[in-house]
Amino acid sequence: DIRKRRVSAARLLPMSGPVVVKSNPNHRGLPEIGRSGRIGSLGRRAARAITRRLAGLATDYAVFPSLAAVPAILRYHPGFVVEPFIPERHGGGFVLRQSYFLGDRAISWFEPGSGPFIHSSRDEDDFEIPTPPEVHAARRAFGLDYGKSDYVEFEGRPVILDIAKTIGERGST
């Protein structure tokens, strides 16, 4: 079970500022909708409308100024997760850190970008970084021998945002 509600360490942080709404399943829940036509108890039409609305934004995620500003259907529905919006800043832009792992081996990347949501970098500016022990611990806790973890540095420590059982092609979107 690698749904965001289970793996995102950001959910445990205080929600006193901006928040982000994501689908609980990976990739906006589109694989689940394709198979079943539903996200949780929502009907097919409502699920598609919500995911289309989220997908129609500049990113897969919707950012709100506060938890109170999140529509109730997104705030309380099990198909979505609300967490503090904690993008990592670097210089004039943003950063996503990714760790790819196979068995006990891992390689991690620092990927700068111009916006707060970086899915995969095509820039020459990304570079390899050491994999933090917390990332190794999260991988072991979820029993994954192969996959990828997205995280940011927040208040001096890594915060896992997402875990994937497949890694796709690095550098593709």
C-alpha atoms as a PDB file:
ATOM      1  CA  ASP A   1       0.000   0.000   0.000  1.00  0.00           C
ATOM      2  CA  ILE A   2       1.845   3.092  -1.248  1.00  0.00           C
ATOM      3  CA  ARG A   3      -1.070   5.505  -1.349  1.00  0.00           C
ATOM      4  CA  LYS A   4      -0.072   9.019  -0.299  1.00  0.00           C
ATOM      5  CA  ARG A   5      -2.223   8.934   2.848  1.00  0.00           C
ATOM      6  CA  ARG A   6       0.015   6.116   4.072  1.00  0.00           C
ATOM      7  CA  VAL A   7       3.462   7.177   2.797  1.00  0.00           C
ATOM      8  CA  SER A   8       3.507  10.982   2.894  1.00  0.00           C
ATOM      9  CA  ALA A   9       5.354  12.210   5.948  1.00  0.00           C
ATOM     10  CA  ALA A  10       4.174  15.740   5.092  1.00  0.00           C
ATOM     11  CA  ARG A  11       0.659  14.812   6.301  1.00  0.00           C
ATOM     12  CA  LEU A  12       2.006  14.692   9.838  1.00  0.00           C
ATOM     13  CA  LEU A  13       3.190  18.300   9.804  1.00  0.00           C
ATOM     14  CA  PRO A  14       1.044  21.168  11.143  1.00  0.00           C
ATOM     15  CA  MET A  15      -1.354  22.661   8.580  1.00  0.00           C
ATOM     16  CA  SER A  16      -1.116  26.298   9.578  1.00  0.00           C
ATOM     17  CA  GLY A  17      -0.412  27.762   6.136  1.00  0.00           C
ATOM     18  CA  PRO A  18      -0.977  26.825   2.497  1.00  0.00           C
ATOM     19  CA  VAL A  19      -2.018  23.238   1.773  1.00  0.00           C
ATOM     20  CA  VAL A  20      -1.882  21.022  -1.293  1.00  0.00           C
ATOM     21  CA  VAL A  21      -4.543  18.529  -2.393  1.00  0.00           C
ATOM     22  CA  LYS A  22      -3.370  15.382  -4.174  1.00  0.00           C
ATOM     23  CA  SER A  23      -5.106  12.189  -5.166  1.00  0.00           C
ATOM     24  CA  ASN A  24      -4.504   9.528  -2.542  1.00  0.00           C
ATOM     25  CA  PRO A  25      -3.481   6.991  -5.206  1.00  0.00           C
ATOM     26  CA  ASN A  26      -0.431   7.718  -7.348  1.00  0.00           C
ATOM     27  CA  HIS A  27      -0.770   9.525 -10.691  1.00  0.00           C
ATOM     28  CA  ARG A  28      -4.021  11.346  -9.793  1.00  0.00           C
ATOM     29  CA  GLY A  29      -5.729   7.980  -9.388  1.00  0.00           C
ATOM     30  CA  LEU A  30      -6.075   7.672 -13.166  1.00  0.00           C
ATOM     31  CA  PRO A  31      -5.004   3.997 -13.274  1.00  0.00           C
ATOM     32  CA  GLU A  32      -7.681   3.180 -10.676  1.00  0.00           C
ATOM     33  CA  ILE A  33     -10.341   5.169 -12.534  1.00  0.00           C
ATOM     34  CA  GLY A  34      -9.392   3.402 -15.747  1.00  0.00           C
ATOM     35  CA  ARG A  35      -9.862   0.017 -14.116  1.00  0.00           C
ATOM     36  CA  SER A  36     -12.913   0.690 -11.987  1.00  0.00           C
ATOM     37  CA  GLY A  37     -14.351   4.031 -13.053  1.00  0.00           C
ATOM     38  CA  ARG A  38     -14.377   5.182  -9.424  1.00  0.00           C
ATOM     39  CA  ILE A  39     -12.290   6.824  -6.734  1.00  0.00           C
ATOM     40  CA  GLY A  40     -13.632   5.474  -3.473  1.00  0.00           C
ATOM     41  CA  SER A  41     -17.373   6.066  -3.273  1.00  0.00           C
ATOM     42  CA  LEU A  42     -17.492   8.750  -5.969  1.00  0.00           C
ATOM     43  CA  GLY A  43     -19.277   7.791  -9.158  1.00  0.00           C
ATOM     44  CA  ARG A  44     -17.389   7.636 -12.455  1.00  0.00           C
ATOM     45  CA  ARG A  45     -18.612  11.067 -13.637  1.00  0.00           C
ATOM     46  CA  ALA A  46     -17.715  12.843 -10.379  1.00  0.00           C
ATOM     47  CA  ALA A  47     -14.316  11.127 -10.164  1.00  0.00           C
ATOM     48  CA  ARG A  48     -13.436  12.089 -13.727  1.00  0.00           C
ATOM     49  CA  ALA A  49     -14.641  15.667 -13.234  1.00  0.00           C
ATOM     50  CA  ILE A  50     -12.493  16.098 -10.137  1.00  0.00           C
ATOM     51  CA  THR A  51      -9.410  14.511 -11.664  1.00  0.00           C
ATOM     52  CA  ARG A  52      -9.922  16.538 -14.869  1.00  0.00           C
ATOM     53  CA  ARG A  53     -10.157  19.689 -12.782  1.00  0.00           C
ATOM     54  CA  LEU A  54      -6.970  18.833 -10.905  1.00  0.00           C
ATOM     55  CA  ALA A  55      -5.244  17.706 -14.119  1.00  0.00           C
ATOM     56  CA  GLY A  56      -6.377  20.860 -15.901  1.00  0.00           C
ATOM     57  CA  LEU A  57      -4.308  23.001 -13.573  1.00  0.00           C
ATOM     58  CA  ALA A  58      -0.691  23.778 -14.357  1.00  0.00           C
ATOM     59  CA  THR A  59       0.193  20.829 -12.141  1.00  0.00           C
ATOM     60  CA  ASP A  60      -1.379  17.610 -10.907  1.00  0.00           C
ATOM     61  CA  TYR A  61      -1.995  19.245  -7.562  1.00  0.00           C
ATOM     62  CA  ALA A  62      -4.222  22.015  -6.273  1.00  0.00           C
ATOM     63  CA  VAL A  63      -2.793  24.496  -3.754  1.00  0.00           C
ATOM     64  CA  PHE A  64      -5.069  26.393  -1.364  1.00  0.00           C
ATOM     65  CA  PRO A  65      -4.148  29.230   1.016  1.00  0.00           C
ATOM     66  CA  SER A  66      -5.368  27.250   4.040  1.00  0.00           C
ATOM     67  CA  LEU A  67      -7.103  24.048   5.071  1.00  0.00           C
ATOM     68  CA  ALA A  68     -10.367  25.985   5.480  1.00  0.00           C
ATOM     69  CA  ALA A  69     -10.215  27.030   1.796  1.00  0.00           C
ATOM     70  CA  VAL A  70     -10.220  23.413   0.553  1.00  0.00           C
ATOM     71  CA  PRO A  71     -13.660  22.333  -0.736  1.00  0.00           C
ATOM     72  CA  ALA A  72     -15.251  19.798   1.613  1.00  0.00           C
ATOM     73  CA  ILE A  73     -15.464  17.113  -1.085  1.00  0.00           C
ATOM     74  CA  LEU A  74     -11.668  17.189  -1.392  1.00  0.00           C
ATOM     75  CA  ARG A  75     -10.932  17.723   2.289  1.00  0.00           C
ATOM     76  CA  TYR A  76     -12.901  14.743   3.578  1.00  0.00           C
ATOM     77  CA  HIS A  77     -12.970  12.314   0.677  1.00  0.00           C
ATOM     78  CA  PRO A  78     -10.734   9.223   1.081  1.00  0.00           C
ATOM     79  CA  GLY A  79      -9.700   9.464  -2.589  1.00  0.00           C
ATOM     80  CA  PHE A  80      -7.745  12.640  -1.849  1.00  0.00           C
ATOM     81  CA  VAL A  81      -5.150  13.702   0.678  1.00  0.00           C
ATOM     82  CA  VAL A  82      -4.535  17.200   2.025  1.00  0.00           C
ATOM     83  CA  GLU A  83      -1.108  18.039   3.374  1.00  0.00           C
ATOM     84  CA  PRO A  84       0.922  21.132   4.167  1.00  0.00           C
ATOM     85  CA  PHE A  85       2.399  22.763   1.089  1.00  0.00           C
ATOM     86  CA  ILE A  86       6.149  22.612   1.780  1.00  0.00           C
ATOM     87  CA  PRO A  87       8.033  23.125  -1.481  1.00  0.00           C
ATOM     88  CA  GLU A  88      11.791  23.213  -1.116  1.00  0.00           C
ATOM     89  CA  ARG A  89      13.304  26.464  -2.370  1.00  0.00           C
ATOM     90  CA  HIS A  90      16.731  26.827  -3.886  1.00  0.00           C
ATOM     91  CA  GLY A  91      18.040  30.087  -5.274  1.00  0.00           C
ATOM     92  CA  GLY A  92      15.186  31.630  -7.236  1.00  0.00           C
ATOM     93  CA  GLY A  93      13.480  28.310  -7.902  1.00  0.00           C
ATOM     94  CA  PHE A  94      12.399  25.050  -6.358  1.00  0.00           C
ATOM     95  CA  VAL A  95      13.875  21.594  -5.761  1.00  0.00           C
ATOM     96  CA  LEU A  96      12.684  18.010  -5.815  1.00  0.00           C
ATOM     97  CA  ARG A  97      14.874  15.271  -4.436  1.00  0.00           C
ATOM     98  CA  GLN A  98      14.420  11.757  -5.772  1.00  0.00           C
ATOM     99  CA  SER A  99      15.908   8.453  -4.702  1.00  0.00           C
ATOM    100  CA  TYR A 100      15.861   5.416  -6.957  1.00  0.00           C
ATOM    101  CA  PHE A 101      16.523   2.078  -5.363  1.00  0.00           C
ATOM    102  CA  LEU A 102      17.145  -1.564  -6.173  1.00  0.00           C
ATOM    103  CA  GLY A 103      17.726  -3.897  -3.246  1.00  0.00           C
ATOM    104  CA  ASP A 104      19.958  -2.149  -0.733  1.00  0.00           C
ATOM    105  CA  ARG A 105      21.428   0.200  -3.329  1.00  0.00           C
ATOM    106  CA  ALA A 106      20.160   3.702  -3.993  1.00  0.00           C
ATOM    107  CA  ILE A 107      21.042   6.721  -6.061  1.00  0.00           C
ATOM    108  CA  SER A 108      19.568  10.133  -5.294  1.00  0.00           C
ATOM    109  CA  TRP A 109      19.213  13.320  -7.302  1.00  0.00           C
ATOM    110  CA  PHE A 110      18.782  17.006  -6.564  1.00  0.00           C
ATOM    111  CA  GLU A 111      16.515  18.339  -9.314  1.00  0.00           C
ATOM    112  CA  PRO A 112      15.979  22.104  -9.528  1.00  0.00           C
ATOM    113  CA  GLY A 113      13.015  23.543 -11.371  1.00  0.00           C
ATOM    114  CA  SER A 114      11.190  26.788 -11.934  1.00  0.00           C
ATOM    115  CA  GLY A 115       7.897  25.737 -10.319  1.00  0.00           C
ATOM    116  CA  PRO A 116       7.006  24.098  -7.004  1.00  0.00           C
ATOM    117  CA  PHE A 117       5.962  20.792  -8.632  1.00  0.00           C
ATOM    118  CA  ILE A 118       8.811  19.007 -10.370  1.00  0.00           C
ATOM    119  CA  HIS A 119       7.946  15.589 -11.719  1.00  0.00           C
ATOM    120  CA  SER A 120      11.098  14.848 -13.602  1.00  0.00           C
ATOM    121  CA  SER A 121      13.916  17.069 -14.682  1.00  0.00           C
ATOM    122  CA  ARG A 122      15.170  17.450 -18.212  1.00  0.00           C
ATOM    123  CA  ASP A 123      17.680  20.040 -17.080  1.00  0.00           C
ATOM    124  CA  GLU A 124      21.435  19.694 -17.023  1.00  0.00           C
ATOM    125  CA  ASP A 125      21.353  21.275 -13.550  1.00  0.00           C
ATOM    126  CA  ASP A 126      20.379  18.134 -11.635  1.00  0.00           C
ATOM    127  CA  PHE A 127      23.118  16.318  -9.778  1.00  0.00           C
ATOM    128  CA  GLU A 128      23.668  13.277  -7.620  1.00  0.00           C
ATOM    129  CA  ILE A 129      23.428  13.648  -3.839  1.00  0.00           C
ATOM    130  CA  PRO A 130      23.883  11.222  -0.919  1.00  0.00           C
ATOM    131  CA  THR A 131      20.767   9.230  -0.023  1.00  0.00           C
ATOM    132  CA  PRO A 132      19.620  10.186   3.490  1.00  0.00           C
ATOM    133  CA  PRO A 133      19.204   7.363   6.038  1.00  0.00           C
ATOM    134  CA  GLU A 134      15.528   8.391   6.447  1.00  0.00           C
ATOM    135  CA  VAL A 135      14.892   7.571   2.784  1.00  0.00           C
ATOM    136  CA  HIS A 136      16.498   4.138   3.174  1.00  0.00           C
ATOM    137  CA  ALA A 137      14.405   3.583   6.307  1.00  0.00           C
ATOM    138  CA  ALA A 138      11.169   4.507   4.481  1.00  0.00           C
ATOM    139  CA  ARG A 139      11.979   2.126   1.635  1.00  0.00           C
ATOM    140  CA  ARG A 140      12.624  -0.694   4.104  1.00  0.00           C
ATOM    141  CA  ALA A 141       9.465   0.140   6.077  1.00  0.00           C
ATOM    142  CA  PHE A 142       7.370  -0.273   2.921  1.00  0.00           C
ATOM    143  CA  GLY A 143       9.217  -3.425   1.886  1.00  0.00           C
ATOM    144  CA  LEU A 144      10.214  -2.093  -1.522  1.00  0.00           C
ATOM    145  CA  ASP A 145      13.255  -3.591  -3.210  1.00  0.00           C
ATOM    146  CA  TYR A 146      12.689  -1.606  -6.396  1.00  0.00           C
ATOM    147  CA  GLY A 147      11.171   1.832  -6.785  1.00  0.00           C
ATOM    148  CA  LYS A 148      11.489   5.541  -6.285  1.00  0.00           C
ATOM    149  CA  SER A 149      10.895   8.048  -3.524  1.00  0.00           C
ATOM    150  CA  ASP A 150      10.228  11.784  -3.887  1.00  0.00           C
ATOM    151  CA  TYR A 151      11.130  14.027  -0.989  1.00  0.00           C
ATOM    152  CA  VAL A 152      12.037  17.563   0.018  1.00  0.00           C
ATOM    153  CA  GLU A 153      14.222  18.954   2.767  1.00  0.00           C
ATOM    154  CA  PHE A 154      12.049  20.712   5.331  1.00  0.00           C
ATOM    155  CA  GLU A 155      13.381  22.221   8.540  1.00  0.00           C
ATOM    156  CA  GLY A 156      16.685  20.433   8.002  1.00  0.00           C
ATOM    157  CA  ARG A 157      15.372  16.921   7.444  1.00  0.00           C
ATOM    158  CA  PRO A 158      14.017  14.886   4.527  1.00  0.00           C
ATOM    159  CA  VAL A 159      10.229  14.617   4.288  1.00  0.00           C
ATOM    160  CA  ILE A 160       8.972  11.790   2.076  1.00  0.00           C
ATOM    161  CA  LEU A 161       6.192  12.955  -0.239  1.00  0.00           C
ATOM    162  CA  ASP A 162       5.647   9.920  -2.434  1.00  0.00           C
ATOM    163  CA  ILE A 163       6.844   6.364  -3.047  1.00  0.00           C
ATOM    164  CA  ALA A 164       6.444   4.550  -6.361  1.00  0.00           C
ATOM    165  CA  LYS A 165       6.869   0.849  -7.092  1.00  0.00           C
ATOM    166  CA  THR A 166       7.967   1.653 -10.632  1.00  0.00           C
ATOM    167  CA  ILE A 167      10.394   4.327 -11.691  1.00  0.00           C
ATOM    168  CA  GLY A 168       9.663   4.810 -15.371  1.00  0.00           C
ATOM    169  CA  GLU A 169      12.394   6.470 -17.361  1.00  0.00           C
ATOM    170  CA  ARG A 170      14.442   9.093 -15.543  1.00  0.00           C
ATOM    171  CA  GLY A 171      14.123  12.384 -17.358  1.00  0.00           C
ATOM    172  CA  SER A 172      10.717  11.648 -18.853  1.00  0.00           C
ATOM    173  CA  THR A 173       7.424  13.141 -17.741  1.00  0.00           C
END
